[in-house]
Amino acid sequence: MVASFLVSGTAHLVRPQVFDPLVPPALPGPRLWIAGTGVAELASAVGLLTGARWGPPAATATLLVVWPGNWWHAVRVQRSRAHPAVKAAAWARLPLQIPMMIAAQNPYRDAAEAAA
């Protein structure tokens, strides 16, 4: 999970145009949202990596904040001429965020079980 936050957060800041289609048009300042979520993903990665108490809630909140944008993108892509694989991928990412949110709540569980 840390790696996905690091990669995605960095991509948000380095190539924000990739994320433009995920920002619903009702939100003003799309690049501000993109930069903000990128920073939130990087902060979440740091929190999880360091074992900070705020890491799990920050990671979960970040996933919740970006979920509406992923829904918007999935609906928008379905109305486009995008390749069927692109359309399927847009929908597939939505249910994957649920186990990520659950895992974010106790990211150290596997390590604790391995140590026991």
Protein backbone atom coordinates (compact mmCIF):
# COMPACT_ATOMS: atom_id res chain seq x y z
CA MET A 1 0.00 0.00 0.00
CA VAL A 2 2.88 2.35 0.78
CA ALA A 3 4.33 1.79 -2.69
CA SER A 4 1.01 2.52 -4.40
CA PHE A 5 0.64 5.77 -2.43
CA LEU A 6 4.22 6.79 -3.25
CA VAL A 7 3.83 6.09 -6.97
CA SER A 8 0.39 7.64 -7.28
CA GLY A 9 1.23 10.67 -5.13
CA THR A 10 4.35 11.35 -7.15
CA ALA A 11 2.44 10.96 -10.42
CA HIS A 12 -0.18 13.45 -9.20
CA LEU A 13 2.53 16.07 -8.72
CA VAL A 14 4.76 15.27 -11.71
CA ARG A 15 2.09 14.52 -14.35
CA PRO A 16 -1.12 16.14 -13.11
CA GLN A 17 -2.66 16.15 -16.59
CA VAL A 18 -3.08 12.38 -16.32
CA PHE A 19 -5.57 12.95 -13.50
CA ASP A 20 -7.56 15.77 -15.13
CA PRO A 21 -10.31 13.38 -16.34
CA LEU A 22 -10.88 12.15 -12.79
CA VAL A 23 -11.88 15.53 -11.37
CA PRO A 24 -15.63 16.13 -11.66
CA PRO A 25 -16.35 19.42 -13.48
CA ALA A 26 -18.42 20.63 -10.50
CA LEU A 27 -15.20 21.00 -8.49
CA PRO A 28 -13.40 24.28 -9.10
CA GLY A 29 -9.64 24.32 -9.62
CA PRO A 30 -9.02 20.74 -10.75
CA ARG A 31 -5.23 21.04 -10.55
CA LEU A 32 -5.52 22.13 -6.92
CA TRP A 33 -7.51 18.97 -6.17
CA ILE A 34 -4.97 16.87 -8.04
CA ALA A 35 -2.03 18.41 -6.18
CA GLY A 36 -3.85 18.11 -2.87
CA THR A 37 -4.61 14.45 -3.31
CA GLY A 38 -1.04 13.84 -4.44
CA VAL A 39 0.29 15.45 -1.27
CA ALA A 40 -2.25 13.48 0.79
CA GLU A 41 -1.10 10.22 -0.82
CA LEU A 42 2.55 11.01 -0.12
CA ALA A 43 1.75 11.98 3.47
CA SER A 44 -0.26 8.77 3.89
CA ALA A 45 2.68 6.75 2.60
CA VAL A 46 5.01 8.43 5.10
CA GLY A 47 2.52 7.86 7.93
CA LEU A 48 2.16 4.17 7.09
CA LEU A 49 5.86 3.65 6.49
CA THR A 50 6.87 5.21 9.80
CA GLY A 51 4.11 3.56 11.83
CA ALA A 52 2.65 6.92 12.83
CA ARG A 53 -0.69 6.71 14.63
CA TRP A 54 -2.20 9.12 12.10
CA GLY A 55 -1.05 7.02 9.13
CA PRO A 56 -3.97 4.57 8.92
CA PRO A 57 -6.70 7.21 9.28
CA ALA A 58 -4.91 9.47 6.78
CA ALA A 59 -4.63 6.64 4.25
CA THR A 60 -8.29 5.71 4.66
CA ALA A 61 -9.41 9.34 4.37
CA THR A 62 -7.30 9.79 1.24
CA LEU A 63 -8.89 6.74 -0.37
CA LEU A 64 -12.34 8.05 0.54
CA VAL A 65 -11.60 11.49 -0.90
CA VAL A 66 -10.46 10.15 -4.28
CA TRP A 67 -13.30 7.61 -4.59
CA PRO A 68 -15.87 10.08 -6.02
CA GLY A 69 -13.38 11.08 -8.70
CA ASN A 70 -12.90 7.45 -9.63
CA TRP A 71 -16.69 7.03 -9.86
CA TRP A 72 -16.94 10.14 -12.02
CA HIS A 73 -14.23 8.80 -14.32
CA ALA A 74 -15.87 5.37 -14.60
CA VAL A 75 -19.22 6.89 -15.57
CA ARG A 76 -17.61 9.35 -17.99
CA VAL A 77 -15.54 6.63 -19.70
CA GLN A 78 -18.63 4.47 -20.23
CA ARG A 79 -20.15 7.28 -22.28
CA SER A 80 -17.03 7.60 -24.42
CA ARG A 81 -15.58 5.67 -27.35
CA ALA A 82 -12.84 4.27 -25.11
CA HIS A 83 -11.67 0.71 -25.65
CA PRO A 84 -13.74 -1.85 -23.69
CA ALA A 85 -10.64 -2.75 -21.64
CA VAL A 86 -10.33 0.89 -20.53
CA LYS A 87 -13.99 0.92 -19.57
CA ALA A 88 -13.61 -2.31 -17.60
CA ALA A 89 -10.51 -1.03 -15.82
CA ALA A 90 -12.31 2.18 -14.82
CA TRP A 91 -15.00 0.13 -13.07
CA ALA A 92 -12.60 -2.47 -11.68
CA ARG A 93 -10.67 0.05 -9.62
CA LEU A 94 -13.77 1.03 -7.63
CA PRO A 95 -14.32 -2.18 -5.65
CA LEU A 96 -10.56 -2.53 -5.16
CA GLN A 97 -10.56 0.58 -2.99
CA ILE A 98 -12.75 -1.14 -0.39
CA PRO A 99 -10.15 -3.76 0.64
CA MET A 100 -7.51 -1.03 0.49
CA MET A 101 -9.53 1.05 2.97
CA ILE A 102 -9.94 -1.99 5.22
CA ALA A 103 -6.22 -2.80 5.00
CA ALA A 104 -5.36 0.83 5.73
CA GLN A 105 -7.13 0.56 9.07
CA ASN A 106 -4.67 -2.05 10.32
CA PRO A 107 -1.68 -2.02 7.95
CA TYR A 108 0.66 -3.52 10.54
CA ARG A 109 -1.47 -6.65 11.16
CA ASP A 110 0.55 -8.96 8.93
CA ALA A 111 3.82 -7.84 10.50
CA ALA A 112 2.42 -8.34 14.00
CA GLU A 113 1.14 -11.81 13.11
CA ALA A 114 4.49 -12.76 11.59
CA ALA A 115 6.32 -11.63 14.73
CA ALA A 116 4.03 -13.66 17.00
